[in-house]
Amino acid sequence: MICGIRPSTTVDHILPMTDDHRDEALQGACDPCHRQKTASEAAWFRAQSRGPGRRRPDEPHPGLF
C-alpha cells in the first residue's frame, strides 16, 4: 500500500520498469497512487533518455563573418 489511506486495487512494481513478478518485488496500490507513481516514473525515464532535439541549432546570420 502506497498512501495507506485507500485500499489497494492495483499491483505495482516496487522498482519501476522491471518485469520482476516475484511477491517481494510487488506492492499494492490504490488506483490514484498507482497512476501518480507511474506518471512520475515515466517522466523521469523520458528526461533521462532525451536525445538530440528535433530543432535545428541556431545558425549565424549570413551577413555576419
N, C-alpha and C. Protein backbone atom coordinates (compact mmCIF):
# COMPACT_ATOMS: atom_id res chain seq x y z
N MET A 1 0.85 -1.18 0.00
CA MET A 1 0.00 0.00 0.00
C MET A 1 0.90 1.24 0.00
N ILE A 2 0.65 2.16 -0.90
CA ILE A 2 1.49 3.36 -1.02
C ILE A 2 0.99 4.49 -0.12
N CYS A 3 -0.27 4.85 -0.24
CA CYS A 3 -0.77 6.01 0.51
C CYS A 3 -1.20 5.63 1.93
N GLY A 4 -1.62 4.40 2.13
CA GLY A 4 -2.06 3.98 3.45
C GLY A 4 -3.46 4.45 3.81
N ILE A 5 -4.16 5.08 2.88
CA ILE A 5 -5.50 5.60 3.16
C ILE A 5 -6.56 4.75 2.45
N ARG A 6 -6.41 4.61 1.14
CA ARG A 6 -7.38 3.86 0.35
C ARG A 6 -6.92 2.40 0.22
N PRO A 7 -7.85 1.48 0.04
CA PRO A 7 -7.46 0.08 -0.14
C PRO A 7 -6.76 -0.13 -1.48
N SER A 8 -5.85 -1.08 -1.51
CA SER A 8 -5.12 -1.40 -2.74
C SER A 8 -6.06 -2.05 -3.75
N THR A 9 -6.00 -1.57 -4.97
CA THR A 9 -6.80 -2.14 -6.05
C THR A 9 -5.93 -2.54 -7.23
N THR A 10 -4.64 -2.23 -7.18
CA THR A 10 -3.71 -2.47 -8.27
C THR A 10 -2.42 -3.03 -7.71
N VAL A 11 -1.74 -3.87 -8.48
CA VAL A 11 -0.43 -4.36 -8.10
C VAL A 11 0.61 -3.51 -8.81
N ASP A 12 1.61 -3.05 -8.07
CA ASP A 12 2.63 -2.14 -8.60
C ASP A 12 4.00 -2.76 -8.42
N HIS A 13 4.88 -2.58 -9.42
CA HIS A 13 6.27 -2.99 -9.28
C HIS A 13 6.98 -1.97 -8.40
N ILE A 14 7.65 -2.43 -7.37
CA ILE A 14 8.37 -1.51 -6.48
C ILE A 14 9.48 -0.81 -7.25
N LEU A 15 10.28 -1.56 -7.99
CA LEU A 15 11.29 -0.96 -8.85
C LEU A 15 10.67 -0.72 -10.22
N PRO A 16 10.69 0.50 -10.69
CA PRO A 16 10.00 0.82 -11.95
C PRO A 16 10.64 0.16 -13.16
N MET A 17 9.82 -0.05 -14.17
CA MET A 17 10.25 -0.56 -15.47
C MET A 17 10.97 -1.90 -15.37
N THR A 18 10.47 -2.78 -14.52
CA THR A 18 11.04 -4.12 -14.41
C THR A 18 9.96 -5.15 -14.70
N ASP A 19 10.40 -6.34 -15.01
CA ASP A 19 9.48 -7.45 -15.24
C ASP A 19 9.61 -8.47 -14.13
N ASP A 20 10.03 -8.04 -12.96
CA ASP A 20 10.18 -8.92 -11.81
C ASP A 20 8.82 -9.10 -11.15
N HIS A 21 8.25 -10.28 -11.27
CA HIS A 21 6.91 -10.53 -10.77
C HIS A 21 6.90 -11.35 -9.48
N ARG A 22 8.04 -11.41 -8.80
CA ARG A 22 8.07 -12.09 -7.51
C ARG A 22 7.29 -11.27 -6.49
N ASP A 23 6.71 -11.94 -5.50
CA ASP A 23 5.91 -11.25 -4.49
C ASP A 23 6.67 -10.12 -3.80
N GLU A 24 7.96 -10.34 -3.51
CA GLU A 24 8.73 -9.32 -2.80
C GLU A 24 9.07 -8.11 -3.67
N ALA A 25 8.84 -8.20 -4.99
CA ALA A 25 9.11 -7.08 -5.89
C ALA A 25 7.84 -6.30 -6.22
N LEU A 26 6.72 -6.70 -5.61
CA LEU A 26 5.43 -6.08 -5.90
C LEU A 26 4.84 -5.46 -4.64
N GLN A 27 3.96 -4.49 -4.83
CA GLN A 27 3.25 -3.87 -3.72
C GLN A 27 1.85 -3.51 -4.17
N GLY A 28 0.96 -3.40 -3.23
CA GLY A 28 -0.39 -2.98 -3.54
C GLY A 28 -0.47 -1.46 -3.61
N ALA A 29 -1.35 -0.97 -4.45
CA ALA A 29 -1.54 0.48 -4.58
C ALA A 29 -2.98 0.76 -4.98
N CYS A 30 -3.51 1.86 -4.48
CA CYS A 30 -4.83 2.29 -4.96
C CYS A 30 -4.63 2.88 -6.35
N ASP A 31 -5.68 2.98 -7.11
CA ASP A 31 -5.57 3.45 -8.49
C ASP A 31 -4.99 4.87 -8.59
N PRO A 32 -5.43 5.85 -7.78
CA PRO A 32 -4.84 7.19 -7.90
C PRO A 32 -3.33 7.21 -7.61
N CYS A 33 -2.91 6.49 -6.57
CA CYS A 33 -1.48 6.45 -6.25
C CYS A 33 -0.68 5.75 -7.34
N HIS A 34 -1.24 4.68 -7.88
CA HIS A 34 -0.54 3.95 -8.94
C HIS A 34 -0.38 4.82 -10.18
N ARG A 35 -1.44 5.54 -10.55
CA ARG A 35 -1.34 6.44 -11.72
C ARG A 35 -0.31 7.53 -11.50
N GLN A 36 -0.28 8.11 -10.29
CA GLN A 36 0.67 9.17 -9.99
C GLN A 36 2.10 8.64 -10.01
N LYS A 37 2.33 7.50 -9.40
CA LYS A 37 3.66 6.90 -9.35
C LYS A 37 4.14 6.56 -10.76
N THR A 38 3.28 5.95 -11.56
CA THR A 38 3.63 5.58 -12.92
C THR A 38 3.95 6.81 -13.76
N ALA A 39 3.17 7.87 -13.62
CA ALA A 39 3.42 9.09 -14.39
C ALA A 39 4.75 9.73 -14.02
N SER A 40 5.06 9.78 -12.74
CA SER A 40 6.33 10.40 -12.34
C SER A 40 7.52 9.55 -12.78
N GLU A 41 7.39 8.23 -12.73
CA GLU A 41 8.48 7.36 -13.20
C GLU A 41 8.67 7.50 -14.70
N ALA A 42 7.58 7.55 -15.45
CA ALA A 42 7.68 7.71 -16.90
C ALA A 42 8.32 9.04 -17.27
N ALA A 43 7.97 10.11 -16.56
CA ALA A 43 8.57 11.42 -16.83
C ALA A 43 10.06 11.39 -16.53
N TRP A 44 10.45 10.73 -15.46
CA TRP A 44 11.87 10.64 -15.11
C TRP A 44 12.63 9.88 -16.19
N PHE A 45 12.09 8.74 -16.66
CA PHE A 45 12.75 7.97 -17.69
C PHE A 45 12.82 8.73 -19.00
N ARG A 46 11.77 9.48 -19.35
CA ARG A 46 11.81 10.29 -20.57
C ARG A 46 12.90 11.35 -20.47
N ALA A 47 13.04 11.98 -19.31
CA ALA A 47 14.06 13.02 -19.14
C ALA A 47 15.46 12.44 -19.23
N GLN A 48 15.64 11.21 -18.77
CA GLN A 48 16.95 10.57 -18.80
C GLN A 48 17.35 10.15 -20.22
N SER A 49 16.39 9.86 -21.04
CA SER A 49 16.69 9.33 -22.37
C SER A 49 16.57 10.38 -23.46
N ARG A 50 16.58 11.63 -23.07
CA ARG A 50 16.45 12.69 -24.09
C ARG A 50 17.67 12.67 -25.00
N GLY A 51 17.42 12.53 -26.25
CA GLY A 51 18.46 12.60 -27.26
C GLY A 51 18.48 14.00 -27.83
N PRO A 52 19.12 14.14 -28.94
CA PRO A 52 19.11 15.46 -29.57
C PRO A 52 17.69 15.83 -29.97
N GLY A 53 17.38 17.08 -29.82
CA GLY A 53 16.03 17.54 -30.14
C GLY A 53 15.78 17.59 -31.63
N ARG A 54 14.56 17.84 -31.98
CA ARG A 54 14.20 17.94 -33.39
C ARG A 54 14.51 19.32 -33.94
N ARG A 55 14.79 20.26 -33.07
CA ARG A 55 15.03 21.63 -33.51
C ARG A 55 16.47 21.79 -33.98
N ARG A 56 16.64 22.45 -35.11
CA ARG A 56 17.98 22.69 -35.63
C ARG A 56 18.68 23.73 -34.79
N PRO A 57 20.00 23.62 -34.64
CA PRO A 57 20.72 24.64 -33.88
C PRO A 57 20.69 25.98 -34.61
N ASP A 58 20.82 27.06 -33.85
CA ASP A 58 20.85 28.39 -34.44
C ASP A 58 22.06 28.51 -35.37
N GLU A 59 21.84 29.16 -36.50
CA GLU A 59 22.91 29.39 -37.47
C GLU A 59 23.26 30.87 -37.45
N PRO A 60 24.54 31.16 -37.69
CA PRO A 60 24.91 32.57 -37.73
C PRO A 60 24.24 33.27 -38.91
N HIS A 61 23.98 34.54 -38.76
CA HIS A 61 23.36 35.33 -39.82
C HIS A 61 24.29 35.33 -41.03
N PRO A 62 23.77 35.15 -42.25
CA PRO A 62 24.63 35.05 -43.44
C PRO A 62 25.41 36.34 -43.73
N GLY A 63 24.95 37.47 -43.22
CA GLY A 63 25.65 38.72 -43.47
C GLY A 63 26.80 38.96 -42.49
N LEU A 64 26.92 38.14 -41.47
CA LEU A 64 27.98 38.30 -40.48
C LEU A 64 29.11 37.32 -40.75
N PHE A 65 30.34 37.81 -40.61
CA PHE A 65 31.50 36.93 -40.80
C PHE A 65 32.19 36.69 -39.52
